[in-house]
Amino acid sequence: MKASETREMTEDQLKDKLTQLKKEQFNLRFQRATGQLEKTAQVREVRRDIARVKTILREKTNAGAA
């Protein structure tokens, strides 16, 4: 997911995406713990996507408050 794509989303869409990414992160952690995870780099990508969504969501809420 690119930052430019994420910036075009509304706050509600960002919150939904964040929930979806956290579920995916949980599933990936579970797969890694049981030894079923094949793409270990995917854990890193999801973690960074979560950070990206949180950052943009915070920017939007701060811009709305100002």
C-alpha atoms as a PDB file:
ATOM      1  CA  MET A   1       0.000   0.000   0.000  1.00  0.00           C
ATOM      2  CA  LYS A   2       1.344   3.394  -0.967  1.00  0.00           C
ATOM      3  CA  ALA A   3       1.022   6.528   1.127  1.00  0.00           C
ATOM      4  CA  SER A   4      -0.580   8.398  -1.763  1.00  0.00           C
ATOM      5  CA  GLU A   5      -3.348   5.787  -1.966  1.00  0.00           C
ATOM      6  CA  THR A   6      -3.843   5.954   1.788  1.00  0.00           C
ATOM      7  CA  ARG A   7      -4.079   9.754   1.854  1.00  0.00           C
ATOM      8  CA  GLU A   8      -7.030   9.613  -0.560  1.00  0.00           C
ATOM      9  CA  MET A   9      -9.079   7.540   1.901  1.00  0.00           C
ATOM     10  CA  THR A  10     -11.569   9.033   4.344  1.00  0.00           C
ATOM     11  CA  GLU A  11     -11.153   8.700   8.103  1.00  0.00           C
ATOM     12  CA  ASP A  12     -13.767   5.928   8.251  1.00  0.00           C
ATOM     13  CA  GLN A  13     -12.006   4.008   5.497  1.00  0.00           C
ATOM     14  CA  LEU A  14      -8.688   4.426   7.325  1.00  0.00           C
ATOM     15  CA  LYS A  15     -10.173   3.079  10.548  1.00  0.00           C
ATOM     16  CA  ASP A  16     -11.571   0.064   8.680  1.00  0.00           C
ATOM     17  CA  LYS A  17      -8.221  -0.508   6.995  1.00  0.00           C
ATOM     18  CA  LEU A  18      -6.448  -0.310  10.360  1.00  0.00           C
ATOM     19  CA  THR A  19      -8.781  -2.944  11.813  1.00  0.00           C
ATOM     20  CA  GLN A  20      -8.204  -5.161   8.796  1.00  0.00           C
ATOM     21  CA  LEU A  21      -4.416  -4.785   9.049  1.00  0.00           C
ATOM     22  CA  LYS A  22      -4.408  -5.592  12.767  1.00  0.00           C
ATOM     23  CA  LYS A  23      -6.363  -8.787  12.100  1.00  0.00           C
ATOM     24  CA  GLU A  24      -3.902  -9.698   9.373  1.00  0.00           C
ATOM     25  CA  GLN A  25      -1.003  -9.004  11.732  1.00  0.00           C
ATOM     26  CA  PHE A  26      -2.534 -11.294  14.341  1.00  0.00           C
ATOM     27  CA  ASN A  27      -2.983 -14.069  11.789  1.00  0.00           C
ATOM     28  CA  LEU A  28       0.597 -13.678  10.577  1.00  0.00           C
ATOM     29  CA  ARG A  29       1.964 -13.803  14.129  1.00  0.00           C
ATOM     30  CA  PHE A  30      -0.077 -16.935  14.759  1.00  0.00           C
ATOM     31  CA  GLN A  31       1.228 -18.551  11.559  1.00  0.00           C
ATOM     32  CA  ARG A  32       4.806 -17.631  12.467  1.00  0.00           C
ATOM     33  CA  ALA A  33       4.418 -19.156  15.930  1.00  0.00           C
ATOM     34  CA  THR A  34       3.108 -22.427  14.508  1.00  0.00           C
ATOM     35  CA  GLY A  35       5.733 -22.539  11.767  1.00  0.00           C
ATOM     36  CA  GLN A  36       3.280 -22.169   8.879  1.00  0.00           C
ATOM     37  CA  LEU A  37       4.408 -18.738   7.675  1.00  0.00           C
ATOM     38  CA  GLU A  38       6.222 -18.871   4.345  1.00  0.00           C
ATOM     39  CA  LYS A  39       6.608 -15.168   3.543  1.00  0.00           C
ATOM     40  CA  THR A  40       8.313 -13.814   6.649  1.00  0.00           C
ATOM     41  CA  ALA A  41       8.749 -10.375   5.051  1.00  0.00           C
ATOM     42  CA  GLN A  42       4.980  -9.988   5.026  1.00  0.00           C
ATOM     43  CA  VAL A  43       5.035  -9.422   8.805  1.00  0.00           C
ATOM     44  CA  ARG A  44       7.272  -6.405   8.290  1.00  0.00           C
ATOM     45  CA  GLU A  45       5.125  -5.026   5.465  1.00  0.00           C
ATOM     46  CA  VAL A  46       1.937  -5.254   7.523  1.00  0.00           C
ATOM     47  CA  ARG A  47       3.613  -3.609  10.506  1.00  0.00           C
ATOM     48  CA  ARG A  48       4.734  -0.715   8.320  1.00  0.00           C
ATOM     49  CA  ASP A  49       1.301  -0.421   6.708  1.00  0.00           C
ATOM     50  CA  ILE A  50      -0.232  -0.143  10.175  1.00  0.00           C
ATOM     51  CA  ALA A  51       2.197   2.627  11.056  1.00  0.00           C
ATOM     52  CA  ARG A  52       1.459   4.398   7.758  1.00  0.00           C
ATOM     53  CA  VAL A  53      -2.307   4.278   8.316  1.00  0.00           C
ATOM     54  CA  LYS A  54      -1.963   5.488  11.911  1.00  0.00           C
ATOM     55  CA  THR A  55       0.243   8.379  10.833  1.00  0.00           C
ATOM     56  CA  ILE A  56      -2.104   9.533   8.093  1.00  0.00           C
ATOM     57  CA  LEU A  57      -5.138   9.116  10.359  1.00  0.00           C
ATOM     58  CA  ARG A  58      -3.467  11.282  12.979  1.00  0.00           C
ATOM     59  CA  GLU A  59      -2.590  13.908  10.366  1.00  0.00           C
ATOM     60  CA  LYS A  60      -6.206  14.035   9.210  1.00  0.00           C
ATOM     61  CA  THR A  61      -7.609  14.344  12.731  1.00  0.00           C
ATOM     62  CA  ASN A  62      -5.113  17.096  13.609  1.00  0.00           C
ATOM     63  CA  ALA A  63      -5.936  18.982  10.405  1.00  0.00           C
ATOM     64  CA  GLY A  64      -9.642  18.715  11.193  1.00  0.00           C
ATOM     65  CA  ALA A  65      -9.146  20.034  14.729  1.00  0.00           C
ATOM     66  CA  ALA A  66      -7.106  23.035  13.634  1.00  0.00           C
END
